[in-house]
Amino acid sequence: MARHGATGPGDALADRFGAFGAGSCLAFPTGAIFGERWIEIGTDTLVGPNVSISAGMVPGQKMVTNPVVRIGDRTMIGRGSHIVGHFRIDIGDDVQTGPYVYITDQNHGYENPDEVVHVQWPHDVPVSIGSGSWLGTGVVILPGTVLGRNVVVGAGAVVRGTFPDYCVIAGVPARIVRRYVPGSGWLYE
């Protein structure tokens, strides 16, 4: 049943996306998906079951960037993950995520402690996940995160900041625990 409920190139749902590459698939059942025209999915990419992807806060919202969410070629987004884009989320090629990963480029502001948080103006800061990276189960990627190429993020990490190519990060907040230095090999922090 799941195979017959999946969405692929040429299907009505796939045709609503800004791009939906050959060989790519949204597994069944899909999560909440809206703002498709501002979402691009590369070739041979698998978006697992119950994954939610949104561009904007509500269906039909006009966006200021295009694409808002870009998922590269040969990437795999794990079951139950959420990708919530408002300005720009760029996920490179050959990226793999575990299940239940949360990626967003927006947080509510909290300038006025006397005002309810959810009505304060949000802040949008682009997110970039480098090609070849791997995000473990339950990782949270916060606005402004920039991951280099081939970065491993340990399960349950909460990530904000810029991290170089070829490193392993883990923790809350995430920090580099190991990095590869050409000529020296792997160094532990």
N, C-alpha and C. Protein backbone atom coordinates (compact mmCIF):
# COMPACT_ATOMS: atom_id res chain seq x y z
N MET A 1 0.81 -1.20 0.00
CA MET A 1 0.00 0.00 0.00
C MET A 1 0.86 1.26 0.00
N ALA A 2 1.93 1.28 0.79
CA ALA A 2 2.77 2.48 0.87
C ALA A 2 3.36 2.83 -0.50
N ARG A 3 3.76 1.81 -1.25
CA ARG A 3 4.33 2.07 -2.57
C ARG A 3 3.32 2.74 -3.50
N HIS A 4 2.08 2.30 -3.41
CA HIS A 4 1.05 2.84 -4.30
C HIS A 4 0.57 4.22 -3.84
N GLY A 5 0.82 4.57 -2.57
CA GLY A 5 0.42 5.88 -2.07
C GLY A 5 1.52 6.91 -2.15
N ALA A 6 2.73 6.49 -2.54
CA ALA A 6 3.86 7.42 -2.63
C ALA A 6 3.65 8.40 -3.77
N THR A 7 4.33 9.55 -3.68
CA THR A 7 4.26 10.58 -4.70
C THR A 7 5.59 10.64 -5.44
N GLY A 8 5.53 10.64 -6.76
CA GLY A 8 6.74 10.74 -7.57
C GLY A 8 6.54 11.74 -8.69
N PRO A 9 7.59 11.95 -9.50
CA PRO A 9 7.50 12.90 -10.61
C PRO A 9 6.29 12.61 -11.50
N GLY A 10 5.60 13.68 -11.88
CA GLY A 10 4.43 13.54 -12.74
C GLY A 10 3.13 13.37 -11.99
N ASP A 11 3.18 13.08 -10.67
CA ASP A 11 1.96 13.00 -9.88
C ASP A 11 1.43 14.41 -9.62
N ALA A 12 0.14 14.52 -9.36
CA ALA A 12 -0.49 15.83 -9.15
C ALA A 12 0.20 16.62 -8.03
N LEU A 13 0.53 15.97 -6.91
CA LEU A 13 1.20 16.68 -5.81
C LEU A 13 2.59 17.13 -6.24
N ALA A 14 3.35 16.25 -6.87
CA ALA A 14 4.71 16.59 -7.30
C ALA A 14 4.71 17.76 -8.28
N ASP A 15 3.70 17.84 -9.11
CA ASP A 15 3.62 18.92 -10.11
C ASP A 15 3.43 20.29 -9.47
N ARG A 16 3.01 20.35 -8.22
CA ARG A 16 2.82 21.63 -7.53
C ARG A 16 4.13 22.19 -6.98
N PHE A 17 5.20 21.37 -6.92
CA PHE A 17 6.48 21.81 -6.38
C PHE A 17 7.20 22.71 -7.38
N GLY A 18 8.09 23.58 -6.86
CA GLY A 18 8.94 24.39 -7.72
C GLY A 18 9.81 23.51 -8.60
N ALA A 19 10.28 22.40 -8.05
CA ALA A 19 11.01 21.38 -8.80
C ALA A 19 10.83 20.06 -8.07
N PHE A 20 10.73 18.98 -8.81
CA PHE A 20 10.59 17.65 -8.23
C PHE A 20 11.34 16.71 -9.16
N GLY A 21 12.57 16.36 -8.76
CA GLY A 21 13.50 15.64 -9.62
C GLY A 21 13.11 14.22 -9.96
N ALA A 22 13.63 13.77 -11.09
CA ALA A 22 13.43 12.40 -11.54
C ALA A 22 13.93 11.43 -10.48
N GLY A 23 13.18 10.37 -10.27
CA GLY A 23 13.57 9.33 -9.32
C GLY A 23 13.32 9.68 -7.87
N SER A 24 12.77 10.86 -7.59
CA SER A 24 12.49 11.26 -6.21
C SER A 24 11.11 10.78 -5.78
N CYS A 25 10.93 10.73 -4.45
CA CYS A 25 9.69 10.16 -3.93
C CYS A 25 9.35 10.78 -2.57
N LEU A 26 8.08 11.11 -2.39
CA LEU A 26 7.53 11.43 -1.07
C LEU A 26 6.85 10.14 -0.61
N ALA A 27 7.38 9.52 0.45
CA ALA A 27 6.83 8.26 0.92
C ALA A 27 5.44 8.47 1.52
N PHE A 28 4.66 7.42 1.53
CA PHE A 28 3.31 7.42 2.07
C PHE A 28 3.33 6.91 3.50
N PRO A 29 2.59 7.52 4.41
CA PRO A 29 1.77 8.71 4.21
C PRO A 29 2.62 9.97 4.32
N THR A 30 2.29 10.96 3.53
CA THR A 30 3.00 12.23 3.61
C THR A 30 2.53 12.98 4.85
N GLY A 31 3.39 13.84 5.36
CA GLY A 31 3.01 14.76 6.44
C GLY A 31 2.36 15.98 5.82
N ALA A 32 2.24 17.04 6.61
CA ALA A 32 1.67 18.29 6.11
C ALA A 32 2.67 18.92 5.15
N ILE A 33 2.21 19.27 3.97
CA ILE A 33 3.06 19.92 2.98
C ILE A 33 2.29 21.10 2.41
N PHE A 34 2.92 22.29 2.50
CA PHE A 34 2.33 23.45 1.82
C PHE A 34 3.40 24.44 1.40
N GLY A 35 3.02 25.32 0.48
CA GLY A 35 3.97 26.23 -0.14
C GLY A 35 4.83 25.52 -1.16
N GLU A 36 4.27 24.48 -1.79
CA GLU A 36 5.03 23.63 -2.69
C GLU A 36 5.76 24.41 -3.78
N ARG A 37 5.16 25.48 -4.27
CA ARG A 37 5.79 26.19 -5.39
C ARG A 37 7.13 26.81 -4.98
N TRP A 38 7.38 26.95 -3.67
CA TRP A 38 8.64 27.49 -3.16
C TRP A 38 9.55 26.40 -2.58
N ILE A 39 9.22 25.14 -2.89
CA ILE A 39 10.01 24.00 -2.43
C ILE A 39 10.57 23.27 -3.64
N GLU A 40 11.88 22.99 -3.61
CA GLU A 40 12.51 22.24 -4.70
C GLU A 40 13.14 20.97 -4.14
N ILE A 41 12.85 19.87 -4.79
CA ILE A 41 13.41 18.57 -4.41
C ILE A 41 14.23 18.06 -5.59
N GLY A 42 15.49 17.69 -5.33
CA GLY A 42 16.40 17.24 -6.37
C GLY A 42 16.06 15.86 -6.91
N THR A 43 17.00 15.27 -7.64
CA THR A 43 16.80 13.95 -8.24
C THR A 43 17.17 12.84 -7.26
N ASP A 44 16.50 11.72 -7.41
CA ASP A 44 16.78 10.50 -6.63
C ASP A 44 16.78 10.75 -5.13
N THR A 45 15.88 11.59 -4.67
CA THR A 45 15.76 11.95 -3.25
C THR A 45 14.54 11.28 -2.66
N LEU A 46 14.70 10.80 -1.42
CA LEU A 46 13.59 10.16 -0.72
C LEU A 46 13.21 11.00 0.50
N VAL A 47 11.96 11.40 0.54
CA VAL A 47 11.40 12.08 1.70
C VAL A 47 10.54 11.03 2.40
N GLY A 48 10.94 10.64 3.60
CA GLY A 48 10.31 9.53 4.31
C GLY A 48 8.87 9.77 4.68
N PRO A 49 8.21 8.74 5.24
CA PRO A 49 6.81 8.87 5.64
C PRO A 49 6.65 9.87 6.78
N ASN A 50 5.50 10.52 6.79
CA ASN A 50 5.11 11.46 7.84
C ASN A 50 6.06 12.66 7.98
N VAL A 51 6.76 12.99 6.90
CA VAL A 51 7.62 14.18 6.90
C VAL A 51 6.79 15.38 6.50
N SER A 52 6.90 16.46 7.27
CA SER A 52 6.21 17.71 6.95
C SER A 52 7.22 18.70 6.39
N ILE A 53 6.85 19.35 5.29
CA ILE A 53 7.68 20.39 4.68
C ILE A 53 6.79 21.58 4.40
N SER A 54 7.21 22.75 4.87
CA SER A 54 6.41 23.94 4.61
C SER A 54 7.29 25.10 4.19
N ALA A 55 6.74 25.92 3.32
CA ALA A 55 7.34 27.19 2.94
C ALA A 55 6.32 28.25 3.33
N GLY A 56 6.60 28.95 4.42
CA GLY A 56 5.67 29.95 4.93
C GLY A 56 4.92 29.43 6.14
N MET A 57 4.08 30.32 6.66
CA MET A 57 3.33 29.98 7.88
C MET A 57 1.96 29.39 7.59
N VAL A 58 1.41 29.74 6.43
CA VAL A 58 0.07 29.26 6.08
C VAL A 58 0.03 28.95 4.58
N PRO A 59 -0.80 28.02 4.17
CA PRO A 59 -0.93 27.74 2.74
C PRO A 59 -1.32 29.01 1.97
N GLY A 60 -0.70 29.19 0.82
CA GLY A 60 -1.02 30.33 -0.04
C GLY A 60 -0.25 31.60 0.26
N GLN A 61 0.57 31.61 1.28
CA GLN A 61 1.34 32.80 1.64
C GLN A 61 2.34 33.14 0.54
N LYS A 62 2.49 34.42 0.22
CA LYS A 62 3.50 34.88 -0.73
C LYS A 62 4.85 34.90 -0.03
N MET A 63 5.90 34.44 -0.69
CA MET A 63 7.22 34.36 -0.09
C MET A 63 8.16 35.36 -0.77
N VAL A 64 9.24 35.76 -0.05
CA VAL A 64 10.16 36.75 -0.59
C VAL A 64 11.38 36.12 -1.24
N THR A 65 11.61 34.82 -1.06
CA THR A 65 12.71 34.12 -1.71
C THR A 65 12.16 32.92 -2.47
N ASN A 66 12.90 32.48 -3.47
CA ASN A 66 12.48 31.31 -4.24
C ASN A 66 13.74 30.58 -4.72
N PRO A 67 13.97 29.35 -4.29
CA PRO A 67 13.10 28.58 -3.40
C PRO A 67 13.29 28.99 -1.94
N VAL A 68 12.31 28.64 -1.15
CA VAL A 68 12.42 28.81 0.31
C VAL A 68 13.10 27.57 0.88
N VAL A 69 12.69 26.40 0.42
CA VAL A 69 13.30 25.14 0.85
C VAL A 69 13.85 24.43 -0.38
N ARG A 70 15.14 24.07 -0.32
CA ARG A 70 15.74 23.29 -1.40
C ARG A 70 16.38 22.06 -0.78
N ILE A 71 15.98 20.89 -1.29
CA ILE A 71 16.54 19.61 -0.86
C ILE A 71 17.27 19.05 -2.07
N GLY A 72 18.56 18.76 -1.90
CA GLY A 72 19.42 18.37 -3.01
C GLY A 72 19.18 16.97 -3.56
N ASP A 73 20.08 16.57 -4.43
CA ASP A 73 20.02 15.26 -5.08
C ASP A 73 20.47 14.15 -4.13
N ARG A 74 19.88 12.97 -4.29
CA ARG A 74 20.26 11.76 -3.55
C ARG A 74 20.24 11.95 -2.03
N THR A 75 19.33 12.78 -1.58
CA THR A 75 19.20 13.07 -0.16
C THR A 75 18.07 12.23 0.41
N MET A 76 18.18 11.89 1.69
CA MET A 76 17.15 11.10 2.36
C MET A 76 16.74 11.81 3.64
N ILE A 77 15.46 12.17 3.72
CA ILE A 77 14.91 12.82 4.91
C ILE A 77 14.14 11.77 5.69
N GLY A 78 14.55 11.54 6.95
CA GLY A 78 14.00 10.47 7.77
C GLY A 78 12.57 10.68 8.22
N ARG A 79 11.93 9.58 8.50
CA ARG A 79 10.54 9.49 8.95
C ARG A 79 10.23 10.53 10.03
N GLY A 80 9.07 11.19 9.90
CA GLY A 80 8.57 12.08 10.94
C GLY A 80 9.32 13.39 11.10
N SER A 81 10.21 13.71 10.17
CA SER A 81 10.97 14.96 10.27
C SER A 81 10.09 16.15 9.85
N HIS A 82 10.53 17.35 10.25
CA HIS A 82 9.84 18.59 9.89
C HIS A 82 10.85 19.58 9.35
N ILE A 83 10.57 20.13 8.18
CA ILE A 83 11.38 21.18 7.58
C ILE A 83 10.46 22.37 7.43
N VAL A 84 10.73 23.42 8.22
CA VAL A 84 9.83 24.57 8.31
C VAL A 84 10.58 25.80 7.83
N GLY A 85 10.37 26.18 6.57
CA GLY A 85 11.09 27.29 5.96
C GLY A 85 10.23 28.53 5.85
N HIS A 86 10.85 29.67 6.11
CA HIS A 86 10.18 30.96 5.96
C HIS A 86 10.98 31.89 5.06
N PHE A 87 12.30 31.70 5.02
CA PHE A 87 13.17 32.56 4.21
C PHE A 87 14.06 31.72 3.30
N ARG A 88 14.92 30.85 3.88
CA ARG A 88 15.79 30.01 3.06
C ARG A 88 16.38 28.87 3.86
N ILE A 89 16.07 27.64 3.45
CA ILE A 89 16.71 26.43 3.97
C ILE A 89 17.28 25.70 2.77
N ASP A 90 18.59 25.47 2.79
CA ASP A 90 19.26 24.78 1.69
C ASP A 90 19.90 23.51 2.24
N ILE A 91 19.40 22.38 1.80
CA ILE A 91 19.93 21.07 2.20
C ILE A 91 20.66 20.51 0.99
N GLY A 92 21.95 20.26 1.12
CA GLY A 92 22.79 19.86 0.00
C GLY A 92 22.50 18.48 -0.55
N ASP A 93 23.35 18.06 -1.47
CA ASP A 93 23.25 16.74 -2.07
C ASP A 93 23.78 15.67 -1.11
N ASP A 94 23.27 14.46 -1.24
CA ASP A 94 23.77 13.30 -0.49
C ASP A 94 23.70 13.49 1.03
N VAL A 95 22.74 14.26 1.49
CA VAL A 95 22.52 14.45 2.93
C VAL A 95 21.58 13.34 3.40
N GLN A 96 21.82 12.86 4.60
CA GLN A 96 20.94 11.85 5.18
C GLN A 96 20.55 12.30 6.57
N THR A 97 19.25 12.18 6.90
CA THR A 97 18.82 12.48 8.26
C THR A 97 18.19 11.25 8.87
N GLY A 98 18.35 11.13 10.18
CA GLY A 98 17.62 10.12 10.91
C GLY A 98 16.16 10.56 11.03
N PRO A 99 15.36 9.79 11.75
CA PRO A 99 13.97 10.18 11.94
C PRO A 99 13.84 11.35 12.92
N TYR A 100 12.73 12.05 12.79
CA TYR A 100 12.30 13.08 13.74
C TYR A 100 13.29 14.23 13.87
N VAL A 101 13.88 14.63 12.76
CA VAL A 101 14.76 15.80 12.71
C VAL A 101 13.89 17.03 12.47
N TYR A 102 14.25 18.15 13.11
CA TYR A 102 13.52 19.41 12.95
C TYR A 102 14.47 20.47 12.45
N ILE A 103 14.14 21.08 11.31
CA ILE A 103 14.97 22.11 10.70
C ILE A 103 14.10 23.34 10.46
N THR A 104 14.52 24.50 10.99
CA THR A 104 13.77 25.73 10.76
C THR A 104 14.72 26.90 10.60
N ASP A 105 14.26 27.91 9.88
CA ASP A 105 15.02 29.14 9.72
C ASP A 105 14.35 30.32 10.43
N GLN A 106 13.40 30.04 11.31
CA GLN A 106 12.67 31.12 11.99
C GLN A 106 12.45 30.81 13.46
N ASN A 107 12.60 31.83 14.28
CA ASN A 107 12.26 31.78 15.70
C ASN A 107 11.46 33.02 16.05
N HIS A 108 10.59 32.90 17.04
CA HIS A 108 9.88 34.08 17.54
C HIS A 108 10.86 35.00 18.24
N GLY A 109 10.59 36.29 18.13
CA GLY A 109 11.37 37.26 18.88
C GLY A 109 10.91 37.26 20.34
N TYR A 110 11.72 37.83 21.20
CA TYR A 110 11.35 37.95 22.61
C TYR A 110 11.98 39.22 23.17
N GLU A 111 11.66 40.33 22.52
CA GLU A 111 12.20 41.61 22.94
C GLU A 111 11.43 42.19 24.13
N ASN A 112 10.14 41.95 24.17
CA ASN A 112 9.28 42.53 25.21
C ASN A 112 8.81 41.43 26.17
N PRO A 113 9.39 41.38 27.38
CA PRO A 113 9.01 40.32 28.31
C PRO A 113 7.58 40.43 28.82
N ASP A 114 6.93 41.59 28.60
CA ASP A 114 5.55 41.77 29.06
C ASP A 114 4.53 41.37 28.00
N GLU A 115 5.01 40.99 26.82
CA GLU A 115 4.12 40.63 25.73
C GLU A 115 4.19 39.12 25.49
N VAL A 116 3.06 38.52 25.13
CA VAL A 116 3.02 37.09 24.82
C VAL A 116 4.03 36.80 23.72
N VAL A 117 4.83 35.75 23.90
CA VAL A 117 5.92 35.46 22.97
C VAL A 117 5.42 35.22 21.55
N HIS A 118 4.36 34.43 21.38
CA HIS A 118 3.97 34.05 20.02
C HIS A 118 3.43 35.20 19.17
N VAL A 119 3.16 36.36 19.75
CA VAL A 119 2.71 37.50 18.95
C VAL A 119 3.86 38.45 18.62
N GLN A 120 5.04 38.20 19.15
CA GLN A 120 6.19 39.05 18.86
C GLN A 120 6.76 38.69 17.49
N TRP A 121 7.30 39.69 16.80
CA TRP A 121 7.75 39.51 15.43
C TRP A 121 8.86 38.46 15.35
N PRO A 122 8.73 37.48 14.44
CA PRO A 122 9.75 36.44 14.32
C PRO A 122 10.99 36.94 13.59
N HIS A 123 12.07 36.19 13.72
CA HIS A 123 13.34 36.48 13.05
C HIS A 123 13.65 35.32 12.11
N ASP A 124 13.93 35.66 10.86
CA ASP A 124 14.31 34.67 9.85
C ASP A 124 15.80 34.76 9.58
N VAL A 125 16.51 33.63 9.69
CA VAL A 125 17.94 33.58 9.38
C VAL A 125 18.17 32.31 8.57
N PRO A 126 18.74 32.42 7.36
CA PRO A 126 18.91 31.24 6.49
C PRO A 126 19.68 30.11 7.15
N VAL A 127 19.39 28.89 6.68
CA VAL A 127 20.05 27.66 7.15
C VAL A 127 20.67 26.98 5.93
N SER A 128 21.88 26.44 6.12
CA SER A 128 22.54 25.70 5.05
C SER A 128 23.15 24.43 5.63
N ILE A 129 22.82 23.30 5.03
CA ILE A 129 23.35 22.01 5.44
C ILE A 129 24.19 21.48 4.28
N GLY A 130 25.49 21.35 4.50
CA GLY A 130 26.42 20.99 3.45
C GLY A 130 26.22 19.59 2.90
N SER A 131 26.57 19.43 1.66
CA SER A 131 26.47 18.13 0.98
C SER A 131 27.24 17.06 1.74
N GLY A 132 26.71 15.85 1.72
CA GLY A 132 27.36 14.71 2.35
C GLY A 132 27.20 14.63 3.85
N SER A 133 26.41 15.52 4.44
CA SER A 133 26.25 15.52 5.89
C SER A 133 25.24 14.48 6.35
N TRP A 134 25.32 14.15 7.62
CA TRP A 134 24.43 13.16 8.23
C TRP A 134 23.95 13.71 9.56
N LEU A 135 22.62 13.80 9.72
CA LEU A 135 22.00 14.31 10.94
C LEU A 135 21.34 13.14 11.65
N GLY A 136 21.75 12.87 12.88
CA GLY A 136 21.21 11.76 13.65
C GLY A 136 19.77 11.98 14.09
N THR A 137 19.19 10.96 14.68
CA THR A 137 17.81 11.00 15.15
C THR A 137 17.57 12.16 16.10
N GLY A 138 16.47 12.88 15.90
CA GLY A 138 16.05 13.91 16.83
C GLY A 138 16.87 15.18 16.84
N VAL A 139 17.71 15.40 15.84
CA VAL A 139 18.50 16.63 15.76
C VAL A 139 17.57 17.82 15.53
N VAL A 140 17.90 18.94 16.15
CA VAL A 140 17.19 20.21 15.93
C VAL A 140 18.18 21.19 15.32
N ILE A 141 17.85 21.69 14.13
CA ILE A 141 18.67 22.69 13.44
C ILE A 141 17.94 24.03 13.55
N LEU A 142 18.59 25.00 14.23
CA LEU A 142 17.98 26.30 14.49
C LEU A 142 18.39 27.33 13.45
N PRO A 143 17.66 28.45 13.38
CA PRO A 143 17.96 29.49 12.41
C PRO A 143 19.41 29.94 12.48
N GLY A 144 19.98 30.20 11.30
CA GLY A 144 21.35 30.67 11.21
C GLY A 144 22.40 29.59 11.17
N THR A 145 22.00 28.34 11.25
CA THR A 145 22.96 27.24 11.23
C THR A 145 23.56 27.09 9.83
N VAL A 146 24.89 26.92 9.80
CA VAL A 146 25.60 26.63 8.57
C VAL A 146 26.50 25.44 8.85
N LEU A 147 26.21 24.31 8.20
CA LEU A 147 27.04 23.12 8.32
C LEU A 147 27.86 22.98 7.04
N GLY A 148 29.16 22.72 7.18
CA GLY A 148 30.02 22.48 6.03
C GLY A 148 29.71 21.13 5.39
N ARG A 149 30.59 20.69 4.51
CA ARG A 149 30.43 19.41 3.83
C ARG A 149 30.79 18.27 4.78
N ASN A 150 30.10 17.15 4.62
CA ASN A 150 30.42 15.91 5.34
C ASN A 150 30.51 16.11 6.85
N VAL A 151 29.53 16.79 7.40
CA VAL A 151 29.44 17.00 8.84
C VAL A 151 28.50 15.94 9.41
N VAL A 152 28.89 15.33 10.53
CA VAL A 152 28.03 14.39 11.24
C VAL A 152 27.50 15.10 12.48
N VAL A 153 26.18 15.04 12.68
CA VAL A 153 25.55 15.65 13.84
C VAL A 153 24.97 14.53 14.69
N GLY A 154 25.46 14.40 15.94
CA GLY A 154 25.02 13.34 16.84
C GLY A 154 23.55 13.44 17.19
N ALA A 155 22.94 12.30 17.44
CA ALA A 155 21.53 12.23 17.79
C ALA A 155 21.19 13.17 18.94
N GLY A 156 20.06 13.86 18.81
CA GLY A 156 19.56 14.72 19.86
C GLY A 156 20.24 16.07 19.99
N ALA A 157 21.19 16.37 19.12
CA ALA A 157 21.90 17.65 19.20
C ALA A 157 20.97 18.81 18.85
N VAL A 158 21.22 19.94 19.49
CA VAL A 158 20.53 21.19 19.16
C VAL A 158 21.60 22.11 18.58
N VAL A 159 21.43 22.46 17.30
CA VAL A 159 22.50 23.09 16.53
C VAL A 159 22.15 24.52 16.15
N ARG A 160 23.07 25.43 16.48
CA ARG A 160 23.02 26.81 16.00
C ARG A 160 24.46 27.27 15.85
N GLY A 161 24.76 27.90 14.74
CA GLY A 161 26.11 28.41 14.51
C GLY A 161 26.68 27.86 13.22
N THR A 162 27.95 28.15 13.00
CA THR A 162 28.65 27.74 11.80
C THR A 162 29.68 26.69 12.15
N PHE A 163 29.68 25.58 11.39
CA PHE A 163 30.58 24.46 11.63
C PHE A 163 31.30 24.12 10.33
N PRO A 164 32.62 23.85 10.40
CA PRO A 164 33.42 23.63 9.19
C PRO A 164 33.17 22.25 8.58
N ASP A 165 33.73 22.07 7.40
CA ASP A 165 33.72 20.76 6.73
C ASP A 165 34.37 19.71 7.63
N TYR A 166 33.97 18.46 7.45
CA TYR A 166 34.63 17.29 8.02
C TYR A 166 34.76 17.34 9.54
N CYS A 167 33.64 17.53 10.21
CA CYS A 167 33.68 17.48 11.66
C CYS A 167 32.48 16.70 12.18
N VAL A 168 32.57 16.31 13.45
CA VAL A 168 31.48 15.66 14.17
C VAL A 168 31.07 16.62 15.26
N ILE A 169 29.77 16.92 15.32
CA ILE A 169 29.28 17.80 16.37
C ILE A 169 28.21 17.07 17.16
N ALA A 170 28.09 17.42 18.44
CA ALA A 170 27.11 16.75 19.30
C ALA A 170 26.82 17.65 20.49
N GLY A 171 25.70 17.37 21.15
CA GLY A 171 25.40 18.04 22.40
C GLY A 171 24.33 19.10 22.30
N VAL A 172 24.04 19.67 23.49
CA VAL A 172 23.04 20.73 23.63
C VAL A 172 23.66 21.83 24.48
N PRO A 173 24.12 22.93 23.90
CA PRO A 173 24.16 23.19 22.47
C PRO A 173 25.27 22.38 21.79
N ALA A 174 25.11 22.18 20.49
CA ALA A 174 26.09 21.38 19.75
C ALA A 174 27.44 22.08 19.70
N ARG A 175 28.48 21.26 19.79
CA ARG A 175 29.86 21.75 19.66
C ARG A 175 30.66 20.68 18.92
N ILE A 176 31.81 21.08 18.40
CA ILE A 176 32.66 20.13 17.69
C ILE A 176 33.29 19.18 18.71
N VAL A 177 33.14 17.87 18.46
CA VAL A 177 33.76 16.87 19.32
C VAL A 177 34.92 16.17 18.61
N ARG A 178 34.94 16.26 17.27
CA ARG A 178 36.01 15.64 16.50
C ARG A 178 36.04 16.32 15.14
N ARG A 179 37.24 16.51 14.61
CA ARG A 179 37.35 17.12 13.28
C ARG A 179 38.51 16.50 12.53
N TYR A 180 38.39 16.50 11.22
CA TYR A 180 39.43 15.94 10.38
C TYR A 180 40.34 17.06 9.88
N VAL A 181 41.62 16.90 10.07
CA VAL A 181 42.61 17.88 9.60
C VAL A 181 43.51 17.16 8.59
N PRO A 182 43.50 17.61 7.32
CA PRO A 182 44.36 16.97 6.31
C PRO A 182 45.82 16.94 6.78
N GLY A 183 46.44 15.79 6.64
CA GLY A 183 47.82 15.62 7.05
C GLY A 183 47.98 15.19 8.50
N SER A 184 46.96 15.42 9.32
CA SER A 184 47.02 15.04 10.75
C SER A 184 45.99 13.98 11.10
N GLY A 185 44.92 13.87 10.31
CA GLY A 185 43.87 12.90 10.60
C GLY A 185 42.81 13.48 11.52
N TRP A 186 42.15 12.58 12.25
CA TRP A 186 41.05 12.98 13.14
C TRP A 186 41.60 13.49 14.46
N LEU A 187 41.14 14.65 14.87
CA LEU A 187 41.54 15.24 16.15
C LEU A 187 40.31 15.37 17.03
N TYR A 188 40.45 14.99 18.28
CA TYR A 188 39.36 15.14 19.24
C TYR A 188 39.48 16.47 19.93
N GLU A 189 38.37 17.12 20.12
CA GLU A 189 38.34 18.45 20.76
C GLU A 189 38.26 18.32 22.26
